[in-house]
Protein backbone atom coordinates (compact mmCIF):
# COMPACT_ATOMS: atom_id res chain seq x y z
CA UNK A 1 -6.98 -1.49 21.55
CA UNK A 2 -9.20 -4.76 22.41
CA UNK A 3 -12.29 -4.91 23.90
CA UNK A 4 -11.00 -7.61 26.23
CA UNK A 5 -8.25 -5.72 27.59
CA UNK A 6 -8.32 -3.33 30.91
CA UNK A 7 -7.01 -0.16 29.07
CA UNK A 8 -9.77 -0.66 27.05
CA UNK A 9 -12.31 -0.40 30.09
CA UNK A 10 -10.47 2.76 31.40
CA UNK A 11 -10.31 4.36 28.20
CA UNK A 12 -14.22 3.98 28.08
CA UNK A 13 -15.03 5.13 31.56
CA UNK A 14 -12.98 8.01 30.69
CA UNK A 15 -14.91 9.03 27.18
CA UNK A 16 -18.00 7.91 28.80
CA UNK A 17 -17.52 10.18 31.75
CA UNK A 18 -16.34 13.15 29.84
CA UNK A 19 -19.09 12.62 27.56
CA UNK A 20 -21.90 13.08 29.75
CA UNK A 21 -20.15 15.86 32.00
CA UNK A 22 -19.88 18.31 29.31
CA UNK A 23 -23.23 19.98 27.78
CA UNK A 24 -23.43 20.73 24.78
CA UNK A 25 -23.96 18.69 21.45
CA UNK A 26 -21.05 20.04 19.63
CA UNK A 27 -18.64 19.52 22.49
CA UNK A 28 -20.23 15.74 22.93
CA UNK A 29 -19.45 15.39 19.12
CA UNK A 30 -15.94 16.69 19.29
CA UNK A 31 -15.08 14.41 22.21
CA UNK A 32 -16.61 11.21 20.22
CA UNK A 33 -14.21 12.70 17.45
CA UNK A 34 -11.34 12.91 19.41
CA UNK A 35 -11.96 9.29 20.95
CA UNK A 36 -12.66 7.76 17.69
CA UNK A 37 -9.22 8.66 16.42
CA UNK A 38 -7.46 7.84 19.67
CA UNK A 39 -9.05 4.25 19.85
CA UNK A 40 -8.68 3.77 16.18
CA UNK A 41 -5.25 5.43 15.91
CA UNK A 42 -4.61 2.57 18.61
CA UNK A 43 -4.28 -0.06 16.31
CA UNK A 44 -1.72 1.91 14.08
CA UNK A 45 -1.54 5.49 14.03
CA UNK A 46 -0.18 5.36 10.14
CA UNK A 47 -4.14 5.19 9.22
CA UNK A 48 -5.19 8.22 11.06
CA UNK A 49 -4.39 10.18 7.46
CA UNK A 50 -6.83 7.54 5.68
CA UNK A 51 -9.40 7.91 8.31
CA UNK A 52 -9.34 11.80 8.29
CA UNK A 53 -9.36 11.26 4.18
CA UNK A 54 -12.52 9.80 4.16
CA UNK A 55 -14.21 12.04 6.98
CA UNK A 56 -13.11 14.98 4.65
CA UNK A 57 -14.83 13.45 1.67
CA UNK A 58 -18.15 12.55 3.48
CA UNK A 59 -17.92 15.96 5.14
CA UNK A 60 -17.08 18.13 2.30
CA UNK A 61 -18.89 16.24 -0.59
CA UNK A 62 -22.59 17.44 1.10
CA UNK A 63 -21.51 20.87 1.33
CA UNK A 64 -19.93 21.36 -2.34
CA UNK A 65 -23.09 19.89 -3.67
CA UNK A 66 -25.15 22.46 -1.61
CA UNK A 67 -23.03 25.51 -3.20
CA UNK A 68 -23.73 24.05 -6.56
CA UNK A 69 -27.35 23.88 -6.44
CA UNK A 70 -27.69 20.52 -5.39
CA UNK A 71 -25.59 19.01 -8.32
CA UNK A 72 -25.05 15.19 -8.89
CA UNK A 73 -21.30 15.26 -9.58
CA UNK A 74 -20.16 16.00 -6.31
CA UNK A 75 -21.73 13.13 -4.78
CA UNK A 76 -20.92 10.78 -7.57
CA UNK A 77 -17.20 11.77 -7.16
CA UNK A 78 -16.96 11.44 -3.46
CA UNK A 79 -18.45 7.67 -4.04
CA UNK A 80 -16.17 7.11 -6.56
CA UNK A 81 -13.22 7.87 -4.90
CA UNK A 82 -14.51 6.52 -1.46
CA UNK A 83 -15.12 3.09 -3.20
CA UNK A 84 -11.44 3.91 -5.17
CA UNK A 85 -9.84 3.74 -1.60
CA UNK A 86 -11.54 0.96 -0.22
CA UNK A 87 -10.80 -1.18 -3.72
CA UNK A 88 -7.07 -0.28 -3.23
CA UNK A 89 -6.73 -1.60 0.31
CA UNK A 90 -9.01 -4.71 -0.08
CA UNK A 91 -7.75 -5.93 -3.52
CA UNK A 92 -4.01 -4.23 -4.94
CA UNK A 93 -2.43 -7.33 -3.28
CA UNK A 94 -4.78 -9.48 -5.36
CA UNK A 95 -4.47 -7.81 -8.28
CA UNK A 96 -0.90 -8.00 -8.38
CA UNK A 97 -0.82 -11.46 -7.32
CA UNK A 98 -3.20 -12.26 -9.91
CA UNK A 99 -1.04 -10.28 -12.75
CA UNK A 100 2.38 -12.18 -11.48
CA UNK A 101 0.86 -15.89 -11.90
CA UNK A 102 -0.91 -15.26 -15.13
CA UNK A 103 2.24 -14.02 -16.65
CA UNK A 104 4.16 -17.16 -14.66
CA UNK A 105 1.67 -19.25 -16.61
CA UNK A 106 2.72 -17.64 -20.18
CA UNK A 107 6.49 -17.58 -19.14
CA UNK A 108 6.55 -14.22 -18.37
CA UNK A 109 8.75 -12.96 -15.93
CA UNK A 110 7.30 -9.64 -14.24
CA UNK A 111 9.11 -7.09 -12.18
CA UNK A 112 6.57 -5.66 -10.45
CA UNK A 113 6.64 -3.79 -7.38
CA UNK A 114 6.08 -6.03 -4.16
CA UNK A 115 3.31 -3.99 -2.65
CA UNK A 116 1.98 -5.91 0.46
CA UNK A 117 -0.62 -3.65 1.21
CA UNK A 118 -2.10 -3.72 4.52
CA UNK A 119 -6.16 -3.67 4.96
CA UNK A 120 -6.83 -1.18 7.84
CA UNK A 121 -9.51 -2.46 10.16
CA UNK A 122 -13.04 -1.54 10.08
CA UNK A 123 -12.26 0.15 6.61
CA UNK A 124 -15.46 -1.19 4.92
CA UNK A 125 -17.37 -0.20 7.66
CA UNK A 126 -16.17 3.29 7.80
CA UNK A 127 -16.08 3.68 4.29
CA UNK A 128 -19.74 2.46 3.74
CA UNK A 129 -20.55 4.37 6.89
CA UNK A 130 -19.22 7.73 4.95
CA UNK A 131 -21.10 6.69 1.50
CA UNK A 132 -24.23 6.25 3.25
CA UNK A 133 -24.18 9.75 4.95
CA UNK A 134 -23.27 11.44 2.12
CA UNK A 135 -26.65 9.89 0.05
CA UNK A 136 -28.58 10.40 3.22
CA UNK A 137 -27.81 14.06 3.13
CA UNK A 138 -28.05 14.36 -0.49
CA UNK A 139 -31.98 12.66 -0.14
CA UNK A 140 -32.63 15.05 2.69
CA UNK A 141 -32.88 12.53 5.67
CA UNK A 142 -30.00 13.93 7.52
CA UNK A 143 -29.18 17.63 7.57
CA UNK A 144 -25.57 18.78 7.81
CA UNK A 145 -24.46 21.72 9.16
CA UNK A 146 -21.62 24.23 7.55
CA UNK A 147 -19.52 23.88 10.77
């Protein structure tokens, strides 16, 4: 869904109307979460699993840290996992291509699997947003509820 398409205007009008017609913060958050998933999945629904994985990591890491008396390792693990996801999707093709080029220059034939990893739209944005959220909760700048 592109911002200049008519379908986006219809989508925006529906979400805007639903958001402001519902009372209650939780209901509004649920509407925005569902709308975000529809918007993101419009391009390619197969990346919604990745989108949800990052959401679950960003939600679970602060809860785990709180339950473990504010230990540092859940935050470190969450940031590392998010950066590993980002690194895979952004750089897998680059490293495979570089490895094949280096092997060719040494006259070595590699039969590496050809991966054509598609870069999901906005992955850097939502990965870094998830990381900043986890850090903000850890520092106490943002409160996270249990539900």
